[in-house]
């Protein structure tokens, strides 16, 4: 969806990782690329999927640590005290492979998720454009609606991922397929949709925060004259926007992890608002921001990996197929 500012014409497509982390992909147009033919949908989706999978492979350990922090109840003797403490204990007690437990579901959903997100952005832009003349308002509304659509796609893979990441389930699930079979047997079809409301709110609030400030951030950055400088500007603006989005959506991410991490009734956490009230009452307000540090740490490196990989892949595709 086009967003115009004083620095650069860009197309912004929010992207959701199970993760955390960074949920955005920026496709920038400069004087050189504006003259090029637009990439067909299959190239955009393929390049985005390759970039997304690359980011997952590099940054996934931060997602595992984030989930562990969100699932642990404050004050327990085995609680992780810091990011370094978490990494040390996981590797020492469970082995290095534990940092990649549950990685298959987010990798498998990456390509279809991006195709649906890409299409949803285009369709929601057409729907909202007659009603919102301001470019920033239009981008916020479109991003929030697309975030809701995306949440429907990722909720089940996210649930499987969290079940596998949870230390309490060590030995319970042999693989992603085994996890799917056991969820189906114990919880039925509805079990795969557990946490869909919290997932939707997580994506909606992230997109609202990101698109609510990204345009302003770009407008105050120094004007970029080169492709490399524009990429740095995009990374800086994306990191700031992503941080704001993360501040807004982390409480819902914590609730989502708690809801999806429950394997048997009675369920302590169900809907978001009552769950937030329970967490604050029992653990304090700070518990709503468990896992915030690894989420934010993933924004910068993750954004760089996404942007650079996407640029390399699309350059190769242009030379090879166009």
Protein backbone atom coordinates (compact mmCIF):
# COMPACT_ATOMS: atom_id res chain seq x y z
CA UNK A 1 0.00 0.00 0.00
CA UNK A 2 1.61 3.27 -1.04
CA UNK A 3 2.60 5.65 1.73
CA UNK A 4 4.07 8.97 0.71
CA UNK A 5 6.45 11.06 2.76
CA UNK A 6 9.13 13.64 2.11
CA UNK A 7 11.95 11.15 1.90
CA UNK A 8 11.01 8.16 -0.15
CA UNK A 9 8.07 6.40 -1.76
CA UNK A 10 7.60 3.04 -0.11
CA UNK A 11 5.31 0.06 -0.05
CA UNK A 12 4.94 -1.35 3.42
CA UNK A 13 3.64 -4.81 4.17
CA UNK A 14 3.45 -5.83 7.83
CA UNK A 15 4.60 -9.36 8.38
CA UNK A 16 3.93 -11.56 11.35
CA UNK A 17 6.43 -13.94 12.74
CA UNK A 18 5.40 -16.30 15.38
CA UNK A 19 7.81 -14.65 16.75
CA UNK A 20 8.37 -11.67 17.69
CA UNK A 21 9.88 -10.13 16.80
CA UNK A 22 9.96 -8.17 13.81
CA UNK A 23 6.73 -8.22 11.95
CA UNK A 24 7.47 -5.94 9.02
CA UNK A 25 8.90 -6.00 5.54
CA UNK A 26 9.64 -2.80 3.65
CA UNK A 27 9.86 -2.74 -0.10
CA UNK A 28 11.50 0.58 -0.96
CA UNK A 29 11.44 2.47 -4.22
CA UNK A 30 14.26 4.81 -5.14
CA UNK A 31 15.04 6.60 -8.39
CA UNK A 32 16.65 3.45 -9.75
CA UNK A 33 14.06 0.88 -8.75
CA UNK A 34 11.06 3.08 -9.61
CA UNK A 35 11.96 2.66 -13.28
CA UNK A 36 11.99 -1.14 -13.00
CA UNK A 37 9.01 -3.34 -13.73
CA UNK A 38 7.10 -4.29 -10.57
CA UNK A 39 7.76 -7.81 -9.39
CA UNK A 40 4.93 -10.30 -10.02
CA UNK A 41 3.12 -11.67 -6.99
CA UNK A 42 4.89 -15.04 -7.03
CA UNK A 43 8.31 -13.34 -6.91
CA UNK A 44 7.31 -11.05 -4.04
CA UNK A 45 5.89 -13.95 -2.06
CA UNK A 46 8.83 -16.28 -2.84
CA UNK A 47 11.46 -13.68 -1.99
CA UNK A 48 9.59 -12.71 1.17
CA UNK A 49 9.32 -16.35 2.22
CA UNK A 50 13.04 -16.96 1.67
CA UNK A 51 13.87 -13.81 3.65
CA UNK A 52 11.45 -14.82 6.40
CA UNK A 53 12.81 -18.36 6.72
CA UNK A 54 16.37 -17.00 6.82
CA UNK A 55 15.39 -14.67 9.66
CA UNK A 56 13.71 -17.53 11.53
CA UNK A 57 16.80 -19.74 11.26
CA UNK A 58 19.05 -17.00 12.63
CA UNK A 59 16.80 -15.41 15.27
CA UNK A 60 14.62 -18.31 16.44
CA UNK A 61 16.53 -18.88 19.72
CA UNK A 62 15.34 -15.43 20.86
CA UNK A 63 11.76 -16.57 20.25
CA UNK A 64 12.26 -19.68 22.39
CA UNK A 65 13.67 -17.57 25.22
CA UNK A 66 10.82 -15.07 24.86
CA UNK A 67 8.23 -17.83 25.17
CA UNK A 68 10.00 -19.34 28.20
CA UNK A 69 9.93 -15.97 29.96
CA UNK A 70 6.24 -15.47 29.16
CA UNK A 71 5.22 -18.91 30.39
CA UNK A 72 7.12 -18.85 33.69
CA UNK A 73 5.27 -17.65 36.79
CA UNK A 74 7.10 -14.96 38.73
CA UNK A 75 8.86 -15.99 41.92
CA UNK A 76 9.44 -19.66 41.15
CA UNK A 77 12.82 -21.13 42.08
CA UNK A 78 13.55 -22.26 38.51
CA UNK A 79 12.64 -18.93 36.91
CA UNK A 80 15.09 -17.39 34.45
CA UNK A 81 16.63 -14.25 35.89
CA UNK A 82 17.95 -12.65 32.70
CA UNK A 83 18.47 -13.24 29.00
CA UNK A 84 21.95 -14.63 29.59
CA UNK A 85 20.71 -16.82 32.42
CA UNK A 86 17.98 -18.22 30.19
CA UNK A 87 20.36 -19.11 27.36
CA UNK A 88 22.86 -20.65 29.79
CA UNK A 89 20.28 -22.81 31.58
CA UNK A 90 18.55 -23.97 28.39
CA UNK A 91 21.81 -25.06 26.75
CA UNK A 92 23.21 -26.61 29.94
CA UNK A 93 20.06 -28.45 30.99
CA UNK A 94 18.45 -29.31 27.64
CA UNK A 95 21.16 -29.02 25.01
CA UNK A 96 21.69 -26.54 22.18
CA UNK A 97 18.94 -28.15 20.11
CA UNK A 98 16.32 -26.89 22.58
CA UNK A 99 16.87 -23.39 21.21
CA UNK A 100 15.34 -24.61 17.93
CA UNK A 101 12.52 -26.71 19.36
CA UNK A 102 9.25 -26.02 17.51
CA UNK A 103 10.87 -24.30 14.53
CA UNK A 104 9.09 -26.38 11.85
CA UNK A 105 5.55 -24.88 12.14
CA UNK A 106 6.65 -21.24 11.58
CA UNK A 107 8.83 -22.28 8.64
CA UNK A 108 6.00 -24.25 7.01
CA UNK A 109 3.50 -21.40 7.34
CA UNK A 110 5.88 -18.68 6.11
CA UNK A 111 5.06 -18.76 2.38
CA UNK A 112 1.24 -19.08 2.60
CA UNK A 113 1.20 -16.49 5.38
CA UNK A 114 3.00 -13.98 3.20
CA UNK A 115 0.77 -14.67 0.19
CA UNK A 116 -2.34 -14.11 2.29
CA UNK A 117 -0.85 -11.02 3.92
CA UNK A 118 0.16 -9.54 0.57
CA UNK A 119 -3.30 -10.12 -0.91
CA UNK A 120 -5.10 -8.93 2.23
CA UNK A 121 -3.20 -5.63 2.21
CA UNK A 122 -4.20 -4.97 -1.38
CA UNK A 123 -7.86 -5.85 -0.81
CA UNK A 124 -8.18 -3.90 2.46
CA UNK A 125 -6.58 -0.88 0.80
CA UNK A 126 -9.28 -0.96 -1.89
CA UNK A 127 -11.95 -1.35 0.80
CA UNK A 128 -10.77 1.47 3.08
CA UNK A 129 -9.42 3.98 0.55
CA UNK A 130 -12.82 5.64 -0.17
CA UNK A 131 -13.36 6.17 3.57
CA UNK A 132 -9.91 7.34 4.73
CA UNK A 133 -8.28 10.09 2.69
CA UNK A 134 -5.31 10.56 5.03
CA UNK A 135 -2.46 8.23 4.01
CA UNK A 136 -1.36 7.48 7.57
CA UNK A 137 -4.89 6.68 8.78
CA UNK A 138 -5.40 4.49 5.74
CA UNK A 139 -2.17 2.59 6.43
CA UNK A 140 -3.11 2.09 10.11
CA UNK A 141 -6.58 0.77 9.30
CA UNK A 142 -5.32 -1.46 6.50
CA UNK A 143 -2.49 -2.81 8.67
CA UNK A 144 -4.84 -3.56 11.58
CA UNK A 145 -7.32 -5.37 9.33
CA UNK A 146 -4.56 -7.34 7.63
CA UNK A 147 -3.15 -8.18 11.06
CA UNK A 148 -6.50 -9.67 12.06
CA UNK A 149 -6.58 -11.75 8.87
CA UNK A 150 -3.03 -12.91 9.48
CA UNK A 151 -3.85 -14.01 13.01
CA UNK A 152 -6.33 -16.55 11.66
CA UNK A 153 -3.54 -18.07 9.55
CA UNK A 154 -0.85 -18.24 12.24
CA UNK A 155 -2.81 -19.15 15.39
CA UNK A 156 -2.58 -22.94 14.95
CA UNK A 157 1.12 -23.07 13.94
CA UNK A 158 1.85 -20.72 16.83
CA UNK A 159 0.03 -23.00 19.26
CA UNK A 160 2.04 -26.03 18.10
CA UNK A 161 5.26 -24.04 18.35
CA UNK A 162 4.54 -22.88 21.90
CA UNK A 163 3.61 -26.38 23.05
CA UNK A 164 6.97 -27.62 21.74
CA UNK A 165 8.93 -24.69 23.20
CA UNK A 166 7.46 -25.09 26.69
CA UNK A 167 9.98 -26.73 29.03
CA UNK A 168 7.13 -28.43 30.90
CA UNK A 169 6.33 -30.43 27.77
CA UNK A 170 9.82 -31.88 27.35
CA UNK A 171 9.31 -35.53 26.45
CA UNK A 172 5.57 -35.09 25.87
CA UNK A 173 5.83 -34.43 22.14
CA UNK A 174 8.30 -36.27 19.92
CA UNK A 175 7.86 -33.95 16.93
CA UNK A 176 5.55 -31.37 15.38
CA UNK A 177 3.46 -34.15 13.82
CA UNK A 178 3.20 -35.94 17.16
CA UNK A 179 2.15 -32.66 18.77
CA UNK A 180 -0.62 -32.22 16.18
CA UNK A 181 -1.88 -35.76 16.74
CA UNK A 182 -1.96 -35.39 20.53
CA UNK A 183 -3.70 -32.00 20.44
CA UNK A 184 -6.33 -33.46 18.10
CA UNK A 185 -6.83 -36.50 20.33
CA UNK A 186 -7.05 -34.54 23.59
CA UNK A 187 -8.64 -31.24 22.55
CA UNK A 188 -10.23 -31.81 19.16
CA UNK A 189 -10.44 -29.34 16.28
CA UNK A 190 -11.23 -26.45 18.62
CA UNK A 191 -7.92 -27.01 20.40
CA UNK A 192 -6.01 -25.68 17.41
CA UNK A 193 -7.85 -22.36 17.71
CA UNK A 194 -7.07 -21.80 21.35
CA UNK A 195 -5.76 -18.26 21.80
CA UNK A 196 -7.14 -16.88 18.53
CA UNK A 197 -8.57 -13.80 20.26
CA UNK A 198 -5.26 -12.94 21.96
CA UNK A 199 -3.41 -13.65 18.70
CA UNK A 200 -5.68 -11.23 16.81
CA UNK A 201 -5.21 -8.51 19.44
CA UNK A 202 -1.44 -9.05 19.38
CA UNK A 203 -1.29 -8.41 15.63
CA UNK A 204 -3.84 -5.58 15.62
CA UNK A 205 -2.07 -3.61 18.36
CA UNK A 206 1.37 -4.19 16.83
CA UNK A 207 0.25 -2.89 13.45
CA UNK A 208 -1.51 0.08 15.06
CA UNK A 209 1.66 1.09 16.88
CA UNK A 210 3.95 0.46 13.93
CA UNK A 211 1.91 2.29 11.29
CA UNK A 212 0.93 4.96 13.79
CA UNK A 213 4.49 6.28 13.98
CA UNK A 214 6.52 4.92 11.05
CA UNK A 215 5.64 7.76 8.66
CA UNK A 216 6.60 10.45 11.17
CA UNK A 217 9.88 8.71 11.99
CA UNK A 218 10.84 8.62 8.31
CA UNK A 219 10.02 12.31 7.92
CA UNK A 220 12.51 13.39 10.62
CA UNK A 221 15.39 11.17 9.52
CA UNK A 222 18.18 12.76 7.41
CA UNK A 223 17.51 12.55 3.69
CA UNK A 224 19.13 9.46 2.16
CA UNK A 225 20.94 9.90 -1.15
CA UNK A 226 22.10 6.33 -1.76
CA UNK A 227 20.45 2.92 -1.78
CA UNK A 228 22.48 1.88 1.28
CA UNK A 229 21.47 5.01 3.19
CA UNK A 230 17.82 4.45 2.34
CA UNK A 231 18.07 0.89 3.61
CA UNK A 232 19.59 2.16 6.86
CA UNK A 233 16.77 4.72 7.18
CA UNK A 234 14.20 2.00 6.61
CA UNK A 235 15.85 -0.20 9.23
CA UNK A 236 16.02 2.65 11.75
CA UNK A 237 12.40 3.67 11.15
CA UNK A 238 11.26 0.06 11.20
CA UNK A 239 13.08 -0.65 14.45
CA UNK A 240 11.55 2.40 16.16
CA UNK A 241 8.10 1.62 14.78
CA UNK A 242 8.49 -2.01 15.74
CA UNK A 243 9.52 -1.07 19.27
CA UNK A 244 6.37 1.05 19.68
CA UNK A 245 4.29 -1.82 18.30
CA UNK A 246 6.00 -4.22 20.70
CA UNK A 247 5.28 -1.97 23.69
CA UNK A 248 1.59 -2.04 22.78
CA UNK A 249 1.25 -5.73 21.93
CA UNK A 250 3.47 -7.53 24.47
CA UNK A 251 0.71 -7.90 27.11
CA UNK A 252 -1.44 -9.71 24.54
CA UNK A 253 1.55 -11.81 23.48
CA UNK A 254 2.05 -12.88 27.11
CA UNK A 255 -1.63 -13.78 27.39
CA UNK A 256 -1.47 -15.67 24.11
CA UNK A 257 1.47 -17.75 25.35
CA UNK A 258 -0.31 -18.50 28.63
CA UNK A 259 -3.57 -19.47 26.88
CA UNK A 260 -1.90 -21.65 24.25
CA UNK A 261 0.48 -23.23 26.75
CA UNK A 262 -2.37 -24.85 28.71
CA UNK A 263 -2.61 -28.53 27.83
CA UNK A 264 -5.51 -29.67 30.02
CA UNK A 265 -8.61 -28.34 31.75
CA UNK A 266 -9.38 -26.55 33.96
CA UNK A 267 -7.97 -23.61 32.03
CA UNK A 268 -6.78 -20.69 34.12
CA UNK A 269 -6.45 -18.30 31.18
CA UNK A 270 -9.12 -17.91 28.49
CA UNK A 271 -10.01 -14.43 27.25
CA UNK A 272 -7.49 -11.60 27.10
CA UNK A 273 -8.92 -9.00 29.49
CA UNK A 274 -9.65 -11.42 32.37
CA UNK A 275 -6.26 -13.07 31.80
CA UNK A 276 -4.49 -9.69 31.97
CA UNK A 277 -6.32 -8.92 35.22
CA UNK A 278 -5.28 -12.29 36.68
CA UNK A 279 -1.63 -11.85 35.72
CA UNK A 280 -1.48 -8.32 37.18
CA UNK A 281 -3.20 -9.40 40.39
CA UNK A 282 -0.98 -12.44 40.97
CA UNK A 283 2.37 -11.34 39.51
CA UNK A 284 2.27 -7.56 39.17
CA UNK A 285 2.04 -5.26 36.15
CA UNK A 286 5.61 -6.02 35.07
CA UNK A 287 4.62 -9.63 34.30
CA UNK A 288 2.70 -8.33 31.26
CA UNK A 289 6.06 -7.47 29.70
CA UNK A 290 7.82 -10.77 30.19
CA UNK A 291 9.89 -11.58 27.12
CA UNK A 292 10.01 -7.93 26.06
CA UNK A 293 13.81 -7.79 25.82
CA UNK A 294 14.25 -10.73 23.41
CA UNK A 295 11.30 -9.44 21.37
CA UNK A 296 12.92 -6.02 20.93
CA UNK A 297 16.40 -7.45 20.39
CA UNK A 298 15.04 -9.39 17.44
CA UNK A 299 13.77 -6.23 15.69
CA UNK A 300 17.14 -4.81 14.61
CA UNK A 301 18.98 -7.94 13.46
CA UNK A 302 15.77 -9.50 12.17
CA UNK A 303 14.91 -6.41 10.15
CA UNK A 304 18.37 -6.28 8.66
CA UNK A 305 18.24 -9.95 7.67
CA UNK A 306 14.80 -9.51 6.09
CA UNK A 307 15.75 -6.42 4.11
CA UNK A 308 19.13 -7.64 2.90
CA UNK A 309 17.92 -11.14 2.01
CA UNK A 310 14.86 -9.80 0.20
CA UNK A 311 17.03 -7.40 -1.78
CA UNK A 312 19.53 -10.12 -2.75
CA UNK A 313 16.81 -12.59 -3.77
CA UNK A 314 14.77 -10.09 -5.79
CA UNK A 315 17.91 -8.85 -7.56
CA UNK A 316 18.70 -12.44 -8.53
CA UNK A 317 15.11 -13.01 -9.69
CA UNK A 318 15.13 -9.89 -11.85
CA UNK A 319 18.32 -10.98 -13.56
CA UNK A 320 17.17 -14.58 -14.00
CA UNK A 321 13.45 -14.38 -14.78
CA UNK A 322 12.75 -10.86 -16.09
